[in-house]
Amino acid sequence: MSIISNILGNPDKDNHILSEEDLESLPELIGIQGIDEGDRLLVRIAVMVQDAIIVTTDGPFIAALMGSSIARNHNITIIRPEDAIDLAGPTDI
């Protein structure tokens, strides 16, 4: 909860509130083995963010998204938490 309050309470952080109607439908996500309904919503949100980074421990999701053209076409980086630490600057935490 403190992470969410830091993001929403910090005017220097870029944040947007989206409704599901704001998101691209991405029908090509349906039926990809390893990308379930919750993952599809996460990818649809990431598509709306320039240079999005998805941090997850879900191996099948990582493999499925990296194996699809979606990540490449929308410049989405998908990494494990231990690799994400290197991307965070000292003021990003």
PDB file of N, CA and C in Angstrom:
ATOM      1  N   MET A   1       0.816  -1.197   0.000  1.00  0.00           N
ATOM      2  CA  MET A   1       0.000   0.000   0.000  1.00  0.00           C
ATOM      3  C   MET A   1       0.861   1.263   0.000  1.00  0.00           C
ATOM      4  N   SER A   2       2.013   1.210   0.674  1.00  0.00           N
ATOM      5  CA  SER A   2       2.853   2.405   0.723  1.00  0.00           C
ATOM      6  C   SER A   2       3.396   2.759  -0.664  1.00  0.00           C
ATOM      7  N   ILE A   3       3.655   1.734  -1.503  1.00  0.00           N
ATOM      8  CA  ILE A   3       4.127   2.015  -2.861  1.00  0.00           C
ATOM      9  C   ILE A   3       3.053   2.758  -3.641  1.00  0.00           C
ATOM     10  N   ILE A   4       1.814   2.293  -3.549  1.00  0.00           N
ATOM     11  CA  ILE A   4       0.710   2.960  -4.259  1.00  0.00           C
ATOM     12  C   ILE A   4       0.527   4.373  -3.749  1.00  0.00           C
ATOM     13  N   SER A   5       0.552   4.572  -2.446  1.00  0.00           N
ATOM     14  CA  SER A   5       0.361   5.923  -1.913  1.00  0.00           C
ATOM     15  C   SER A   5       1.522   6.829  -2.299  1.00  0.00           C
ATOM     16  N   ASN A   6       2.751   6.279  -2.382  1.00  0.00           N
ATOM     17  CA  ASN A   6       3.893   7.086  -2.831  1.00  0.00           C
ATOM     18  C   ASN A   6       3.729   7.520  -4.274  1.00  0.00           C
ATOM     19  N   ILE A   7       3.253   6.626  -5.114  1.00  0.00           N
ATOM     20  CA  ILE A   7       3.071   6.958  -6.533  1.00  0.00           C
ATOM     21  C   ILE A   7       1.944   7.979  -6.696  1.00  0.00           C
ATOM     22  N   LEU A   8       0.792   7.701  -6.086  1.00  0.00           N
ATOM     23  CA  LEU A   8      -0.353   8.596  -6.245  1.00  0.00           C
ATOM     24  C   LEU A   8      -0.157   9.911  -5.504  1.00  0.00           C
ATOM     25  N   GLY A   9       0.622   9.890  -4.419  1.00  0.00           N
ATOM     26  CA  GLY A   9       0.816  11.094  -3.624  1.00  0.00           C
ATOM     27  C   GLY A   9       2.000  11.929  -4.050  1.00  0.00           C
ATOM     28  N   ASN A  10       2.746  11.479  -5.040  1.00  0.00           N
ATOM     29  CA  ASN A  10       3.934  12.192  -5.485  1.00  0.00           C
ATOM     30  C   ASN A  10       3.658  12.838  -6.837  1.00  0.00           C
ATOM     31  N   PRO A  11       3.512  14.173  -6.854  1.00  0.00           N
ATOM     32  CA  PRO A  11       3.193  14.846  -8.119  1.00  0.00           C
ATOM     33  C   PRO A  11       4.317  14.764  -9.151  1.00  0.00           C
ATOM     34  N   ASP A  12       5.533  14.373  -8.718  1.00  0.00           N
ATOM     35  CA  ASP A  12       6.639  14.235  -9.668  1.00  0.00           C
ATOM     36  C   ASP A  12       6.577  12.921 -10.437  1.00  0.00           C
ATOM     37  N   LYS A  13       5.776  11.972  -9.943  1.00  0.00           N
ATOM     38  CA  LYS A  13       5.625  10.684 -10.619  1.00  0.00           C
ATOM     39  C   LYS A  13       4.531  10.798 -11.671  1.00  0.00           C
ATOM     40  N   ASP A  14       4.780  10.236 -12.848  1.00  0.00           N
ATOM     41  CA  ASP A  14       3.783  10.240 -13.918  1.00  0.00           C
ATOM     42  C   ASP A  14       2.773   9.146 -13.632  1.00  0.00           C
ATOM     43  N   ASN A  15       1.496   9.490 -13.534  1.00  0.00           N
ATOM     44  CA  ASN A  15       0.474   8.475 -13.315  1.00  0.00           C
ATOM     45  C   ASN A  15      -0.808   8.862 -14.046  1.00  0.00           C
ATOM     46  N   HIS A  16      -1.532   7.850 -14.458  1.00  0.00           N
ATOM     47  CA  HIS A  16      -2.790   8.030 -15.182  1.00  0.00           C
ATOM     48  C   HIS A  16      -3.778   6.988 -14.681  1.00  0.00           C
ATOM     49  N   ILE A  17      -5.017   7.352 -14.639  1.00  0.00           N
ATOM     50  CA  ILE A  17      -6.062   6.400 -14.288  1.00  0.00           C
ATOM     51  C   ILE A  17      -6.808   6.071 -15.576  1.00  0.00           C
ATOM     52  N   LEU A  18      -6.842   4.784 -15.899  1.00  0.00           N
ATOM     53  CA  LEU A  18      -7.473   4.319 -17.131  1.00  0.00           C
ATOM     54  C   LEU A  18      -8.675   3.454 -16.801  1.00  0.00           C
ATOM     55  N   SER A  19      -9.680   3.538 -17.640  1.00  0.00           N
ATOM     56  CA  SER A  19     -10.793   2.593 -17.540  1.00  0.00           C
ATOM     57  C   SER A  19     -10.561   1.524 -18.608  1.00  0.00           C
ATOM     58  N   GLU A  20     -11.251   0.412 -18.495  1.00  0.00           N
ATOM     59  CA  GLU A  20     -11.063  -0.668 -19.464  1.00  0.00           C
ATOM     60  C   GLU A  20     -11.428  -0.210 -20.879  1.00  0.00           C
ATOM     61  N   GLU A  21     -12.341   0.737 -20.992  1.00  0.00           N
ATOM     62  CA  GLU A  21     -12.728   1.255 -22.310  1.00  0.00           C
ATOM     63  C   GLU A  21     -11.596   2.041 -22.973  1.00  0.00           C
ATOM     64  N   ASP A  22     -10.626   2.535 -22.178  1.00  0.00           N
ATOM     65  CA  ASP A  22      -9.493   3.286 -22.723  1.00  0.00           C
ATOM     66  C   ASP A  22      -8.440   2.382 -23.354  1.00  0.00           C
ATOM     67  N   LEU A  23      -8.500   1.097 -23.063  1.00  0.00           N
ATOM     68  CA  LEU A  23      -7.454   0.163 -23.472  1.00  0.00           C
ATOM     69  C   LEU A  23      -7.727  -0.427 -24.850  1.00  0.00           C
ATOM     70  N   GLU A  24      -6.640  -0.694 -25.590  1.00  0.00           N
ATOM     71  CA  GLU A  24      -6.774  -1.394 -26.867  1.00  0.00           C
ATOM     72  C   GLU A  24      -7.277  -2.806 -26.600  1.00  0.00           C
ATOM     73  N   SER A  25      -8.081  -3.353 -27.482  1.00  0.00           N
ATOM     74  CA  SER A  25      -8.658  -4.675 -27.250  1.00  0.00           C
ATOM     75  C   SER A  25      -7.644  -5.807 -27.421  1.00  0.00           C
ATOM     76  N   LEU A  26      -6.693  -5.684 -28.321  1.00  0.00           N
ATOM     77  CA  LEU A  26      -5.656  -6.680 -28.583  1.00  0.00           C
ATOM     78  C   LEU A  26      -6.202  -8.104 -28.683  1.00  0.00           C
ATOM     79  N   PRO A  27      -7.055  -8.380 -29.658  1.00  0.00           N
ATOM     80  CA  PRO A  27      -7.615  -9.721 -29.798  1.00  0.00           C
ATOM     81  C   PRO A  27      -6.559 -10.798 -30.026  1.00  0.00           C
ATOM     82  N   GLU A  28      -5.370 -10.410 -30.476  1.00  0.00           N
ATOM     83  CA  GLU A  28      -4.308 -11.394 -30.695  1.00  0.00           C
ATOM     84  C   GLU A  28      -3.799 -12.015 -29.393  1.00  0.00           C
ATOM     85  N   LEU A  29      -4.151 -11.428 -28.247  1.00  0.00           N
ATOM     86  CA  LEU A  29      -3.765 -12.003 -26.949  1.00  0.00           C
ATOM     87  C   LEU A  29      -4.569 -13.241 -26.593  1.00  0.00           C
ATOM     88  N   ILE A  30      -5.791 -13.318 -27.097  1.00  0.00           N
ATOM     89  CA  ILE A  30      -6.680 -14.425 -26.746  1.00  0.00           C
ATOM     90  C   ILE A  30      -6.138 -15.721 -27.343  1.00  0.00           C
ATOM     91  N   GLY A  31      -6.038 -16.722 -26.517  1.00  0.00           N
ATOM     92  CA  GLY A  31      -5.608 -18.026 -26.985  1.00  0.00           C
ATOM     93  C   GLY A  31      -4.120 -18.285 -26.914  1.00  0.00           C
ATOM     94  N   ILE A  32      -3.315 -17.292 -26.497  1.00  0.00           N
ATOM     95  CA  ILE A  32      -1.878 -17.538 -26.355  1.00  0.00           C
ATOM     96  C   ILE A  32      -1.666 -18.308 -25.061  1.00  0.00           C
ATOM     97  N   GLN A  33      -1.099 -19.504 -25.185  1.00  0.00           N
ATOM     98  CA  GLN A  33      -0.814 -20.352 -24.029  1.00  0.00           C
ATOM     99  C   GLN A  33       0.136 -19.612 -23.080  1.00  0.00           C
ATOM    100  N   GLY A  34      -0.215 -19.497 -21.797  1.00  0.00           N
ATOM    101  CA  GLY A  34       0.627 -18.830 -20.810  1.00  0.00           C
ATOM    102  C   GLY A  34       0.190 -17.419 -20.490  1.00  0.00           C
ATOM    103  N   ILE A  35      -0.762 -16.884 -21.270  1.00  0.00           N
ATOM    104  CA  ILE A  35      -1.286 -15.544 -20.989  1.00  0.00           C
ATOM    105  C   ILE A  35      -2.759 -15.691 -20.627  1.00  0.00           C
ATOM    106  N   ASP A  36      -3.057 -15.623 -19.322  1.00  0.00           N
ATOM    107  CA  ASP A  36      -4.436 -15.782 -18.878  1.00  0.00           C
ATOM    108  C   ASP A  36      -5.168 -14.436 -18.872  1.00  0.00           C
ATOM    109  N   GLU A  37      -6.405 -14.433 -18.423  1.00  0.00           N
ATOM    110  CA  GLU A  37      -7.235 -13.227 -18.499  1.00  0.00           C
ATOM    111  C   GLU A  37      -6.613 -12.049 -17.740  1.00  0.00           C
ATOM    112  N   GLY A  38      -6.103 -12.292 -16.548  1.00  0.00           N
ATOM    113  CA  GLY A  38      -5.467 -11.224 -15.781  1.00  0.00           C
ATOM    114  C   GLY A  38      -4.222 -10.692 -16.468  1.00  0.00           C
ATOM    115  N   ASP A  39      -3.450 -11.598 -17.064  1.00  0.00           N
ATOM    116  CA  ASP A  39      -2.266 -11.186 -17.806  1.00  0.00           C
ATOM    117  C   ASP A  39      -2.641 -10.340 -19.014  1.00  0.00           C
ATOM    118  N   ARG A  40      -3.733 -10.707 -19.685  1.00  0.00           N
ATOM    119  CA  ARG A  40      -4.175  -9.937 -20.854  1.00  0.00           C
ATOM    120  C   ARG A  40      -4.468  -8.497 -20.468  1.00  0.00           C
ATOM    121  N   LEU A  41      -5.119  -8.299 -19.327  1.00  0.00           N
ATOM    122  CA  LEU A  41      -5.413  -6.941 -18.871  1.00  0.00           C
ATOM    123  C   LEU A  41      -4.112  -6.189 -18.600  1.00  0.00           C
ATOM    124  N   LEU A  42      -3.147  -6.840 -17.971  1.00  0.00           N
ATOM    125  CA  LEU A  42      -1.858  -6.210 -17.703  1.00  0.00           C
ATOM    126  C   LEU A  42      -1.160  -5.805 -19.001  1.00  0.00           C
ATOM    127  N   VAL A  43      -1.188  -6.660 -20.004  1.00  0.00           N
ATOM    128  CA  VAL A  43      -0.556  -6.342 -21.295  1.00  0.00           C
ATOM    129  C   VAL A  43      -1.300  -5.196 -21.971  1.00  0.00           C
ATOM    130  N   ARG A  44      -2.621  -5.206 -21.909  1.00  0.00           N
ATOM    131  CA  ARG A  44      -3.406  -4.109 -22.511  1.00  0.00           C
ATOM    132  C   ARG A  44      -3.053  -2.779 -21.853  1.00  0.00           C
ATOM    133  N   ILE A  45      -2.812  -2.791 -20.556  1.00  0.00           N
ATOM    134  CA  ILE A  45      -2.399  -1.566 -19.854  1.00  0.00           C
ATOM    135  C   ILE A  45      -0.989  -1.172 -20.296  1.00  0.00           C
ATOM    136  N   ALA A  46      -0.082  -2.144 -20.366  1.00  0.00           N
ATOM    137  CA  ALA A  46       1.296  -1.859 -20.751  1.00  0.00           C
ATOM    138  C   ALA A  46       1.383  -1.258 -22.152  1.00  0.00           C
ATOM    139  N   VAL A  47       0.517  -1.676 -23.040  1.00  0.00           N
ATOM    140  CA  VAL A  47       0.499  -1.141 -24.408  1.00  0.00           C
ATOM    141  C   VAL A  47       0.229   0.369 -24.400  1.00  0.00           C
ATOM    142  N   MET A  48      -0.487   0.835 -23.392  1.00  0.00           N
ATOM    143  CA  MET A  48      -0.829   2.253 -23.308  1.00  0.00           C
ATOM    144  C   MET A  48       0.324   3.106 -22.774  1.00  0.00           C
ATOM    145  N   VAL A  49       1.381   2.461 -22.276  1.00  0.00           N
ATOM    146  CA  VAL A  49       2.500   3.167 -21.658  1.00  0.00           C
ATOM    147  C   VAL A  49       3.723   3.072 -22.572  1.00  0.00           C
ATOM    148  N   GLN A  50       4.310   4.204 -22.886  1.00  0.00           N
ATOM    149  CA  GLN A  50       5.500   4.204 -23.733  1.00  0.00           C
ATOM    150  C   GLN A  50       6.643   3.530 -22.978  1.00  0.00           C
ATOM    151  N   ASP A  51       7.305   2.576 -23.619  1.00  0.00           N
ATOM    152  CA  ASP A  51       8.443   1.854 -23.039  1.00  0.00           C
ATOM    153  C   ASP A  51       8.083   1.184 -21.711  1.00  0.00           C
ATOM    154  N   ALA A  52       6.942   0.508 -21.662  1.00  0.00           N
ATOM    155  CA  ALA A  52       6.481  -0.141 -20.438  1.00  0.00           C
ATOM    156  C   ALA A  52       7.427  -1.253 -20.007  1.00  0.00           C
ATOM    157  N   ILE A  53       7.500  -1.450 -18.700  1.00  0.00           N
ATOM    158  CA  ILE A  53       8.277  -2.543 -18.119  1.00  0.00           C
ATOM    159  C   ILE A  53       7.330  -3.343 -17.239  1.00  0.00           C
ATOM    160  N   ILE A  54       7.208  -4.637 -17.524  1.00  0.00           N
ATOM    161  CA  ILE A  54       6.414  -5.537 -16.696  1.00  0.00           C
ATOM    162  C   ILE A  54       7.390  -6.366 -15.874  1.00  0.00           C
ATOM    163  N   VAL A  55       7.216  -6.343 -14.553  1.00  0.00           N
ATOM    164  CA  VAL A  55       8.066  -7.119 -13.655  1.00  0.00           C
ATOM    165  C   VAL A  55       7.206  -8.243 -13.082  1.00  0.00           C
ATOM    166  N   THR A  56       7.648  -9.489 -13.280  1.00  0.00           N
ATOM    167  CA  THR A  56       6.856 -10.639 -12.847  1.00  0.00           C
ATOM    168  C   THR A  56       7.742 -11.850 -12.588  1.00  0.00           C
ATOM    169  N   THR A  57       7.219 -12.750 -11.776  1.00  0.00           N
ATOM    170  CA  THR A  57       7.894 -14.033 -11.553  1.00  0.00           C
ATOM    171  C   THR A  57       7.217 -15.154 -12.334  1.00  0.00           C
ATOM    172  N   ASP A  58       6.185 -14.835 -13.103  1.00  0.00           N
ATOM    173  CA  ASP A  58       5.382 -15.813 -13.833  1.00  0.00           C
ATOM    174  C   ASP A  58       6.120 -16.270 -15.095  1.00  0.00           C
ATOM    175  N   GLY A  59       6.848 -17.387 -14.970  1.00  0.00           N
ATOM    176  CA  GLY A  59       7.650 -17.902 -16.080  1.00  0.00           C
ATOM    177  C   GLY A  59       6.879 -18.157 -17.360  1.00  0.00           C
ATOM    178  N   PRO A  60       5.712 -18.850 -17.300  1.00  0.00           N
ATOM    179  CA  PRO A  60       4.951 -19.077 -18.529  1.00  0.00           C
ATOM    180  C   PRO A  60       4.490 -17.773 -19.192  1.00  0.00           C
ATOM    181  N   PHE A  61       4.133 -16.778 -18.383  1.00  0.00           N
ATOM    182  CA  PHE A  61       3.722 -15.481 -18.921  1.00  0.00           C
ATOM    183  C   PHE A  61       4.903 -14.791 -19.598  1.00  0.00           C
ATOM    184  N   ILE A  62       6.053 -14.811 -18.952  1.00  0.00           N
ATOM    185  CA  ILE A  62       7.250 -14.201 -19.543  1.00  0.00           C
ATOM    186  C   ILE A  62       7.552 -14.852 -20.895  1.00  0.00           C
ATOM    187  N   ALA A  63       7.577 -16.187 -20.921  1.00  0.00           N
ATOM    188  CA  ALA A  63       7.891 -16.911 -22.157  1.00  0.00           C
ATOM    189  C   ALA A  63       6.865 -16.620 -23.249  1.00  0.00           C
ATOM    190  N   ALA A  64       5.593 -16.598 -22.875  1.00  0.00           N
ATOM    191  CA  ALA A  64       4.542 -16.369 -23.866  1.00  0.00           C
ATOM    192  C   ALA A  64       4.619 -14.965 -24.445  1.00  0.00           C
ATOM    193  N   LEU A  65       4.789 -13.983 -23.592  1.00  0.00           N
ATOM    194  CA  LEU A  65       4.834 -12.604 -24.084  1.00  0.00           C
ATOM    195  C   LEU A  65       6.098 -12.354 -24.897  1.00  0.00           C
ATOM    196  N   MET A  66       7.221 -12.887 -24.441  1.00  0.00           N
ATOM    197  CA  MET A  66       8.474 -12.709 -25.185  1.00  0.00           C
ATOM    198  C   MET A  66       8.432 -13.450 -26.516  1.00  0.00           C
ATOM    199  N   GLY A  67       7.680 -14.540 -26.574  1.00  0.00           N
ATOM    200  CA  GLY A  67       7.571 -15.308 -27.807  1.00  0.00           C
ATOM    201  C   GLY A  67       6.568 -14.739 -28.792  1.00  0.00           C
ATOM    202  N   SER A  68       5.801 -13.753 -28.367  1.00  0.00           N
ATOM    203  CA  SER A  68       4.814 -13.141 -29.262  1.00  0.00           C
ATOM    204  C   SER A  68       5.386 -11.861 -29.859  1.00  0.00           C
ATOM    205  N   SER A  69       4.722 -11.347 -30.853  1.00  0.00           N
ATOM    206  CA  SER A  69       5.166 -10.083 -31.459  1.00  0.00           C
ATOM    207  C   SER A  69       4.667  -8.876 -30.678  1.00  0.00           C
ATOM    208  N   ILE A  70       3.790  -9.088 -29.716  1.00  0.00           N
ATOM    209  CA  ILE A  70       3.177  -7.983 -28.977  1.00  0.00           C
ATOM    210  C   ILE A  70       4.222  -7.162 -28.238  1.00  0.00           C
ATOM    211  N   ALA A  71       5.121  -7.838 -27.507  1.00  0.00           N
ATOM    212  CA  ALA A  71       6.149  -7.123 -26.751  1.00  0.00           C
ATOM    213  C   ALA A  71       7.041  -6.308 -27.684  1.00  0.00           C
ATOM    214  N   ARG A  72       7.441  -6.886 -28.798  1.00  0.00           N
ATOM    215  CA  ARG A  72       8.295  -6.174 -29.757  1.00  0.00           C
ATOM    216  C   ARG A  72       7.548  -5.007 -30.400  1.00  0.00           C
ATOM    217  N   ASN A  73       6.331  -5.253 -30.843  1.00  0.00           N
ATOM    218  CA  ASN A  73       5.572  -4.218 -31.547  1.00  0.00           C
ATOM    219  C   ASN A  73       5.226  -3.024 -30.665  1.00  0.00           C
ATOM    220  N   HIS A  74       5.101  -3.260 -29.359  1.00  0.00           N
ATOM    221  CA  HIS A  74       4.703  -2.188 -28.439  1.00  0.00           C
ATOM    222  C   HIS A  74       5.830  -1.788 -27.492  1.00  0.00           C
ATOM    223  N   ASN A  75       7.039  -2.263 -27.764  1.00  0.00           N
ATOM    224  CA  ASN A  75       8.226  -1.911 -26.983  1.00  0.00           C
ATOM    225  C   ASN A  75       8.023  -2.155 -25.480  1.00  0.00           C
ATOM    226  N   ILE A  76       7.525  -3.345 -25.148  1.00  0.00           N
ATOM    227  CA  ILE A  76       7.307  -3.731 -23.758  1.00  0.00           C
ATOM    228  C   ILE A  76       8.493  -4.591 -23.311  1.00  0.00           C
ATOM    229  N   THR A  77       9.088  -4.212 -22.202  1.00  0.00           N
ATOM    230  CA  THR A  77      10.148  -5.011 -21.592  1.00  0.00           C
ATOM    231  C   THR A  77       9.511  -5.843 -20.491  1.00  0.00           C
ATOM    232  N   ILE A  78       9.827  -7.120 -20.436  1.00  0.00           N
ATOM    233  CA  ILE A  78       9.297  -7.989 -19.393  1.00  0.00           C
ATOM    234  C   ILE A  78      10.475  -8.680 -18.713  1.00  0.00           C
ATOM    235  N   ILE A  79      10.571  -8.501 -17.384  1.00  0.00           N
ATOM    236  CA  ILE A  79      11.721  -8.998 -16.645  1.00  0.00           C
ATOM    237  C   ILE A  79      11.305  -9.548 -15.285  1.00  0.00           C
ATOM    238  N   ARG A  80      12.201 -10.288 -14.694  1.00  0.00           N
ATOM    239  CA  ARG A  80      12.006 -10.830 -13.347  1.00  0.00           C
ATOM    240  C   ARG A  80      12.402  -9.767 -12.319  1.00  0.00           C
ATOM    241  N   PRO A  81      11.854  -9.856 -11.086  1.00  0.00           N
ATOM    242  CA  PRO A  81      12.143  -8.844 -10.059  1.00  0.00           C
ATOM    243  C   PRO A  81      13.631  -8.625  -9.796  1.00  0.00           C
ATOM    244  N   GLU A  82      14.410  -9.705  -9.764  1.00  0.00           N
ATOM    245  CA  GLU A  82      15.835  -9.550  -9.472  1.00  0.00           C
ATOM    246  C   GLU A  82      16.560  -8.744 -10.543  1.00  0.00           C
ATOM    247  N   ASP A  83      16.036  -8.729 -11.758  1.00  0.00           N
ATOM    248  CA  ASP A  83      16.623  -7.942 -12.836  1.00  0.00           C
ATOM    249  C   ASP A  83      16.099  -6.508 -12.844  1.00  0.00           C
ATOM    250  N   ALA A  84      14.955  -6.290 -12.230  1.00  0.00           N
ATOM    251  CA  ALA A  84      14.341  -4.957 -12.221  1.00  0.00           C
ATOM    252  C   ALA A  84      15.092  -3.993 -11.315  1.00  0.00           C
ATOM    253  N   ILE A  85      15.743  -4.505 -10.292  1.00  0.00           N
ATOM    254  CA  ILE A  85      16.472  -3.645  -9.360  1.00  0.00           C
ATOM    255  C   ILE A  85      17.504  -2.812 -10.112  1.00  0.00           C
ATOM    256  N   ASP A  86      18.143  -3.393 -11.112  1.00  0.00           N
ATOM    257  CA  ASP A  86      19.156  -2.671 -11.878  1.00  0.00           C
ATOM    258  C   ASP A  86      18.565  -1.515 -12.667  1.00  0.00           C
ATOM    259  N   LEU A  87      17.277  -1.567 -12.980  1.00  0.00           N
ATOM    260  CA  LEU A  87      16.636  -0.507 -13.760  1.00  0.00           C
ATOM    261  C   LEU A  87      16.207   0.677 -12.893  1.00  0.00           C
ATOM    262  N   ALA A  88      16.048   0.446 -11.593  1.00  0.00           N
ATOM    263  CA  ALA A  88      15.567   1.491 -10.701  1.00  0.00           C
ATOM    264  C   ALA A  88      16.704   2.403 -10.303  1.00  0.00           C
ATOM    265  N   GLY A  89      16.464   3.696 -10.395  1.00  0.00           N
ATOM    266  CA  GLY A  89      17.437   4.663  -9.915  1.00  0.00           C
ATOM    267  C   GLY A  89      17.226   4.908  -8.432  1.00  0.00           C
ATOM    268  N   PRO A  90      18.102   5.663  -7.797  1.00  0.00           N
ATOM    269  CA  PRO A  90      18.017   5.875  -6.350  1.00  0.00           C
ATOM    270  C   PRO A  90      16.733   6.593  -5.905  1.00  0.00           C
ATOM    271  N   THR A  91      16.117   7.373  -6.776  1.00  0.00           N
ATOM    272  CA  THR A  91      14.892   8.076  -6.389  1.00  0.00           C
ATOM    273  C   THR A  91      13.647   7.378  -6.882  1.00  0.00           C
ATOM    274  N   ASP A  92      13.786   6.221  -7.542  1.00  0.00           N
ATOM    275  CA  ASP A  92      12.645   5.509  -8.099  1.00  0.00           C
ATOM    276  C   ASP A  92      11.976   4.604  -7.099  1.00  0.00           C
ATOM    277  N   ILE A  93      12.582   4.347  -5.970  1.00  0.00           N
ATOM    278  CA  ILE A  93      12.014   3.400  -5.012  1.00  0.00           C
ATOM    279  C   ILE A  93      11.177   4.134  -3.997  1.00  0.00           C
TER     280      ILE A  93
END
